[in-house]
C-alpha atoms as a PDB file:
ATOM      1  CA  MET A   1     219.219-159.786 -58.005  1.00  0.00           C
ATOM      2  CA  ASN A   2     215.533-158.805 -56.085  1.00  0.00           C
ATOM      3  CA  ARG A   3     215.923-155.555 -57.415  1.00  0.00           C
ATOM      4  CA  ALA A   4     216.702-156.196 -61.459  1.00  0.00           C
ATOM      5  CA  ARG A   5     213.539-157.951 -60.646  1.00  0.00           C
ATOM      6  CA  LEU A   6     211.832-154.715 -59.279  1.00  0.00           C
ATOM      7  CA  ILE A   7     213.308-152.212 -62.221  1.00  0.00           C
ATOM      8  CA  GLY A   8     210.971-153.722 -64.592  1.00  0.00           C
ATOM      9  CA  PRO A   9     207.751-153.162 -62.777  1.00  0.00           C
ATOM     10  CA  LEU A  10     209.100-149.831 -61.401  1.00  0.00           C
ATOM     11  CA  ALA A  11     209.729-148.063 -64.469  1.00  0.00           C
ATOM     12  CA  ALA A  12     206.684-149.278 -66.469  1.00  0.00           C
ATOM     13  CA  ALA A  13     204.060-147.978 -63.115  1.00  0.00           C
ATOM     14  CA  ILE A  14     205.999-144.882 -63.589  1.00  0.00           C
ATOM     15  CA  VAL A  15     204.993-144.807 -67.613  1.00  0.00           C
ATOM     16  CA  VAL A  16     202.344-146.295 -67.532  1.00  0.00           C
ATOM     17  CA  LEU A  17     200.646-143.889 -64.127  1.00  0.00           C
ATOM     18  CA  PRO A  18     200.526-140.778 -65.431  1.00  0.00           C
ATOM     19  CA  LEU A  19     199.086-141.944 -68.955  1.00  0.00           C
ATOM     20  CA  ALA A  20     196.193-143.542 -66.316  1.00  0.00           C
ATOM     21  CA  VAL A  21     195.785-140.015 -64.798  1.00  0.00           C
ATOM     22  CA  GLY A  22     196.072-138.136 -67.626  1.00  0.00           C
ATOM     23  CA  CYS A  23     193.259-139.829 -69.361  1.00  0.00           C
ATOM     24  CA  SER A  24     191.102-140.532 -65.832  1.00  0.00           C
ATOM     25  CA  SER A  25     187.457-138.989 -66.608  1.00  0.00           C
ATOM     26  CA  ASP A  26     187.652-137.956 -62.468  1.00  0.00           C
ATOM     27  CA  SER A  27     188.450-134.350 -62.809  1.00  0.00           C
ATOM     28  CA  SER A  28     187.025-133.589 -66.319  1.00  0.00           C
ATOM     29  CA  PRO A  29     183.015-134.594 -65.731  1.00  0.00           C
ATOM     30  CA  THR A  30     182.780-131.286 -63.271  1.00  0.00           C
ATOM     31  CA  VAL A  31     183.789-128.856 -66.381  1.00  0.00           C
ATOM     32  CA  ALA A  32     181.868-130.783 -68.674  1.00  0.00           C
ATOM     33  CA  ALA A  33     178.588-131.128 -66.507  1.00  0.00           C
ATOM     34  CA  SER A  34     178.813-127.063 -65.470  1.00  0.00           C
ATOM     35  CA  SER A  35     179.626-126.588 -68.932  1.00  0.00           C
ATOM     36  CA  SER A  36     175.973-128.219 -70.583  1.00  0.00           C
ATOM     37  CA  THR A  37     173.575-126.698 -67.837  1.00  0.00           C
ATOM     38  CA  SER A  38     175.572-123.214 -69.430  1.00  0.00           C
ATOM     39  CA  ALA A  39     175.393-124.011 -72.446  1.00  0.00           C
ATOM     40  CA  SER A  40     171.924-125.174 -71.705  1.00  0.00           C
ATOM     41  CA  SER A  41     169.685-121.874 -69.943  1.00  0.00           C
ATOM     42  CA  SER A  42     172.138-120.459 -72.482  1.00  0.00           C
ATOM     43  CA  SER A  43     171.213-118.740 -75.608  1.00  0.00           C
ATOM     44  CA  SER A  44     171.529-120.431 -78.723  1.00  0.00           C
ATOM     45  CA  THR A  45     174.486-118.820 -79.597  1.00  0.00           C
ATOM     46  CA  ALA A  46     176.720-120.221 -76.904  1.00  0.00           C
ATOM     47  CA  PRO A  47     179.426-122.328 -78.582  1.00  0.00           C
ATOM     48  CA  ALA A  48     178.697-126.322 -79.080  1.00  0.00           C
ATOM     49  CA  GLN A  49     181.256-128.837 -77.039  1.00  0.00           C
ATOM     50  CA  ARG A  50     183.886-130.228 -79.607  1.00  0.00           C
ATOM     51  CA  THR A  51     183.541-133.263 -80.643  1.00  0.00           C
ATOM     52  CA  SER A  52     187.023-133.429 -82.011  1.00  0.00           C
ATOM     53  CA  ALA A  53     190.374-132.329 -81.599  1.00  0.00           C
ATOM     54  CA  CYS A  54     190.491-128.578 -82.268  1.00  0.00           C
ATOM     55  CA  LYS A  55     193.994-126.617 -83.914  1.00  0.00           C
ATOM     56  CA  PRO A  56     194.624-123.106 -82.954  1.00  0.00           C
ATOM     57  CA  VAL A  57     193.167-119.974 -84.266  1.00  0.00           C
ATOM     58  CA  PRO A  58     195.958-119.318 -87.670  1.00  0.00           C
ATOM     59  CA  PRO A  59     196.924-115.033 -87.870  1.00  0.00           C
ATOM     60  CA  GLU A  60     196.266-112.695 -91.081  1.00  0.00           C
ATOM     61  CA  ALA A  61     197.288-113.118 -94.657  1.00  0.00           C
ATOM     62  CA  GLY A  62     196.238-111.155 -96.169  1.00  0.00           C
ATOM     63  CA  GLU A  63     192.605-110.086 -98.336  1.00  0.00           C
ATOM     64  CA  LEU A  64     190.885-111.911-100.353  1.00  0.00           C
ATOM     65  CA  ASP A  65     191.418-109.647-103.452  1.00  0.00           C
ATOM     66  CA  TRP A  66     189.174-111.239-105.305  1.00  0.00           C
ATOM     67  CA  LEU A  67     185.955-111.742-102.942  1.00  0.00           C
ATOM     68  CA  PRO A  68     182.682-109.188-103.921  1.00  0.00           C
ATOM     69  CA  THR A  69     182.374-106.204-101.951  1.00  0.00           C
ATOM     70  CA  ASP A  70     179.262-106.091-101.737  1.00  0.00           C
ATOM     71  CA  LEU A  71     179.220-109.819 -99.962  1.00  0.00           C
ATOM     72  CA  PRO A  72     178.754-109.683 -96.621  1.00  0.00           C
ATOM     73  CA  LEU A  73     180.509-110.655 -94.179  1.00  0.00           C
ATOM     74  CA  PRO A  74     180.784-110.371 -90.131  1.00  0.00           C
ATOM     75  CA  PRO A  75     183.388-107.835 -88.173  1.00  0.00           C
ATOM     76  CA  GLY A  76     186.002-108.854 -87.750  1.00  0.00           C
ATOM     77  CA  THR A  77     186.494-111.934 -90.038  1.00  0.00           C
ATOM     78  CA  TYR A  78     189.394-112.079 -91.600  1.00  0.00           C
ATOM     79  CA  ALA A  79     191.645-113.792 -94.599  1.00  0.00           C
ATOM     80  CA  THR A  80     193.931-117.105 -93.828  1.00  0.00           C
ATOM     81  CA  GLU A  81     194.329-118.480 -97.220  1.00  0.00           C
ATOM     82  CA  ASP A  82     193.790-118.079-101.265  1.00  0.00           C
ATOM     83  CA  THR A  83     194.198-120.813-103.407  1.00  0.00           C
ATOM     84  CA  GLU A  84     192.469-120.593-107.121  1.00  0.00           C
ATOM     85  CA  SER A  85     190.596-124.443-107.357  1.00  0.00           C
ATOM     86  CA  SER A  86     191.626-126.304-109.981  1.00  0.00           C
ATOM     87  CA  THR A  87     189.779-130.237-109.519  1.00  0.00           C
ATOM     88  CA  THR A  88     187.398-131.324-107.520  1.00  0.00           C
ATOM     89  CA  THR A  89     188.380-134.237-106.143  1.00  0.00           C
ATOM     90  CA  SER A  90     190.489-133.543-103.313  1.00  0.00           C
ATOM     91  CA  SER A  91     190.159-135.915-100.277  1.00  0.00           C
ATOM     92  CA  ASP A  92     191.380-134.060 -97.114  1.00  0.00           C
ATOM     93  CA  ALA A  93     188.628-132.541 -95.210  1.00  0.00           C
ATOM     94  CA  ASP A  94     190.711-129.364 -95.074  1.00  0.00           C
ATOM     95  CA  THR A  95     191.379-128.286 -97.914  1.00  0.00           C
ATOM     96  CA  GLU A  96     188.071-130.031-100.016  1.00  0.00           C
ATOM     97  CA  GLU A  97     187.812-127.706-102.165  1.00  0.00           C
ATOM     98  CA  SER A  98     182.895-127.840-101.367  1.00  0.00           C
ATOM     99  CA  ASP A  99     181.713-129.087-105.139  1.00  0.00           C
ATOM    100  CA  ALA A 100     183.943-126.011-106.734  1.00  0.00           C
ATOM    101  CA  PRO A 101     184.601-125.595-110.727  1.00  0.00           C
ATOM    102  CA  ALA A 102     187.689-125.292-111.722  1.00  0.00           C
ATOM    103  CA  GLY A 103     189.107-121.826-112.022  1.00  0.00           C
ATOM    104  CA  ALA A 104     187.002-121.062-109.175  1.00  0.00           C
ATOM    105  CA  ARG A 105     189.129-118.617-105.623  1.00  0.00           C
ATOM    106  CA  ARG A 106     189.356-120.852-102.703  1.00  0.00           C
ATOM    107  CA  GLY A 107     189.529-118.815 -99.259  1.00  0.00           C
ATOM    108  CA  LEU A 108     190.417-119.757 -96.002  1.00  0.00           C
ATOM    109  CA  LEU A 109     188.680-117.647 -93.442  1.00  0.00           C
ATOM    110  CA  VAL A 110     188.200-116.727 -89.801  1.00  0.00           C
ATOM    111  CA  VAL A 111     185.173-115.388 -88.495  1.00  0.00           C
ATOM    112  CA  LYS A 112     184.828-114.530 -85.358  1.00  0.00           C
ATOM    113  CA  MET A 113     180.955-115.881 -84.099  1.00  0.00           C
ATOM    114  CA  THR A 114     179.631-119.815 -84.115  1.00  0.00           C
ATOM    115  CA  VAL A 115     178.875-121.933 -86.606  1.00  0.00           C
ATOM    116  CA  ALA A 116     175.063-121.081 -85.627  1.00  0.00           C
ATOM    117  CA  ASP A 117     175.593-117.495 -85.619  1.00  0.00           C
ATOM    118  CA  PHE A 118     177.204-117.342 -88.931  1.00  0.00           C
ATOM    119  CA  LYS A 119     174.786-119.734 -90.580  1.00  0.00           C
ATOM    120  CA  GLN A 120     172.140-116.608 -88.931  1.00  0.00           C
ATOM    121  CA  PHE A 121     174.167-114.199 -90.679  1.00  0.00           C
ATOM    122  CA  VAL A 122     174.372-115.938 -93.804  1.00  0.00           C
ATOM    123  CA  GLY A 123     170.179-115.957 -93.860  1.00  0.00           C
ATOM    124  CA  ASN A 124     169.471-112.417 -92.971  1.00  0.00           C
ATOM    125  CA  ASN A 125     172.588-110.964 -94.896  1.00  0.00           C
ATOM    126  CA  TRP A 126     172.881-111.904 -98.569  1.00  0.00           C
ATOM    127  CA  PRO A 127     169.682-112.579 -99.354  1.00  0.00           C
ATOM    128  CA  ALA A 128     169.577-108.487 -98.880  1.00  0.00           C
ATOM    129  CA  ALA A 129     173.052-107.966-100.755  1.00  0.00           C
ATOM    130  CA  GLY A 130     170.655-109.187-103.078  1.00  0.00           C
ATOM    131  CA  TYR A 131     172.450-113.288-103.146  1.00  0.00           C
ATOM    132  CA  ALA A 132     170.130-116.095-104.001  1.00  0.00           C
ATOM    133  CA  LEU A 133     170.995-118.947-101.146  1.00  0.00           C
ATOM    134  CA  GLY A 134     170.798-122.567-102.866  1.00  0.00           C
ATOM    135  CA  ARG A 135     170.129-125.140-100.902  1.00  0.00           C
ATOM    136  CA  GLY A 136     172.132-125.481 -97.602  1.00  0.00           C
ATOM    137  CA  ASP A 137     173.021-128.287 -94.963  1.00  0.00           C
ATOM    138  CA  ALA A 138     174.219-128.529 -91.287  1.00  0.00           C
ATOM    139  CA  GLU A 139     174.862-131.041 -88.817  1.00  0.00           C
ATOM    140  CA  ALA A 140     176.941-130.678 -85.230  1.00  0.00           C
ATOM    141  CA  GLY A 141     179.677-128.365 -85.465  1.00  0.00           C
ATOM    142  CA  GLU A 142     179.857-127.585 -89.548  1.00  0.00           C
ATOM    143  CA  ALA A 143     176.834-126.426 -91.996  1.00  0.00           C
ATOM    144  CA  GLU A 144     177.289-124.967 -95.674  1.00  0.00           C
ATOM    145  CA  GLY A 145     175.504-124.188 -98.816  1.00  0.00           C
ATOM    146  CA  GLY A 146     175.205-122.146-102.126  1.00  0.00           C
ATOM    147  CA  TYR A 147     175.098-118.561-103.339  1.00  0.00           C
ATOM    148  CA  ARG A 148     174.447-116.411-106.638  1.00  0.00           C
ATOM    149  CA  LYS A 149     173.935-113.263-108.605  1.00  0.00           C
ATOM    150  CA  GLY A 150     174.077-112.968-111.709  1.00  0.00           C
ATOM    151  CA  ASP A 151     175.916-115.053-113.943  1.00  0.00           C
ATOM    152  CA  PHE A 152     178.672-115.877-110.637  1.00  0.00           C
ATOM    153  CA  GLY A 153     178.476-117.617-107.664  1.00  0.00           C
ATOM    154  CA  GLY A 154     179.707-119.623-105.225  1.00  0.00           C
ATOM    155  CA  VAL A 155     179.669-122.139-102.502  1.00  0.00           C
ATOM    156  CA  TYR A 156     180.569-121.824 -98.309  1.00  0.00           C
ATOM    157  CA  ARG A 157     181.285-124.396 -95.847  1.00  0.00           C
ATOM    158  CA  VAL A 158     181.743-123.152 -92.197  1.00  0.00           C
ATOM    159  CA  ARG A 159     182.729-125.519 -88.853  1.00  0.00           C
ATOM    160  CA  ASP A 160     184.068-125.241 -85.822  1.00  0.00           C
ATOM    161  CA  VAL A 161     187.707-126.209 -85.756  1.00  0.00           C
ATOM    162  CA  TYR A 162     189.305-123.970 -83.565  1.00  0.00           C
ATOM    163  CA  CYS A 163     190.102-124.196 -80.034  1.00  0.00           C
ATOM    164  CA  ASP A 164     188.587-120.826 -79.810  1.00  0.00           C
ATOM    165  CA  PRO A 165     185.090-121.770 -79.285  1.00  0.00           C
ATOM    166  CA  THR A 166     184.100-118.248 -80.821  1.00  0.00           C
ATOM    167  CA  MET A 167     185.369-118.249 -83.974  1.00  0.00           C
ATOM    168  CA  SER A 168     184.461-120.484 -86.605  1.00  0.00           C
ATOM    169  CA  GLU A 169     186.659-121.713 -90.296  1.00  0.00           C
ATOM    170  CA  LEU A 170     185.214-120.171 -93.315  1.00  0.00           C
ATOM    171  CA  LEU A 171     185.665-121.913 -96.299  1.00  0.00           C
ATOM    172  CA  LEU A 172     184.519-119.562 -99.387  1.00  0.00           C
ATOM    173  CA  THR A 173     184.370-120.800-103.509  1.00  0.00           C
ATOM    174  CA  TYR A 174     183.661-117.742-105.753  1.00  0.00           C
ATOM    175  CA  GLY A 175     183.484-117.813-109.783  1.00  0.00           C
ATOM    176  CA  LYS A 176     182.243-117.247-112.846  1.00  0.00           C
ATOM    177  CA  GLY A 177     179.138-120.307-113.183  1.00  0.00           C
ATOM    178  CA  ALA A 178     180.129-121.058-109.395  1.00  0.00           C
END
């Protein structure tokens, strides 16, 4: 009879103990402290600490043949998804169309740089290629803005979502009147 009373609490302890140890912050202060120390002492190009869950970097999925060839992209950038926008009412953050007009093309790309580095790349290279930049917005782990050349243009949103902190997800839209 005493054995039966001990099995319940023992089983609960076996389940709860690993969870409590796994959620404990005792093992991470050293890592977090050393990461924040090195990040503050290094250049602004150091990857930011993740504030949310990350996802693996997706594989390459072909070319975006609609993307203008004169729009500079960082070396190593590749496409992971190509779709045509139909509306701008999507509420799913991963498939948000960033105010793209109906009929605009939309693609997801992997950029081999941080959000801050990509923002700087856009500011340095897109105007030099003849693209006017719209008013942008940035917050921790994300930046967005518009671009236009003649009657065509689009918007971009770059986010820090991958588990590899040296890579960023880039959503590009492009179309007439965008």
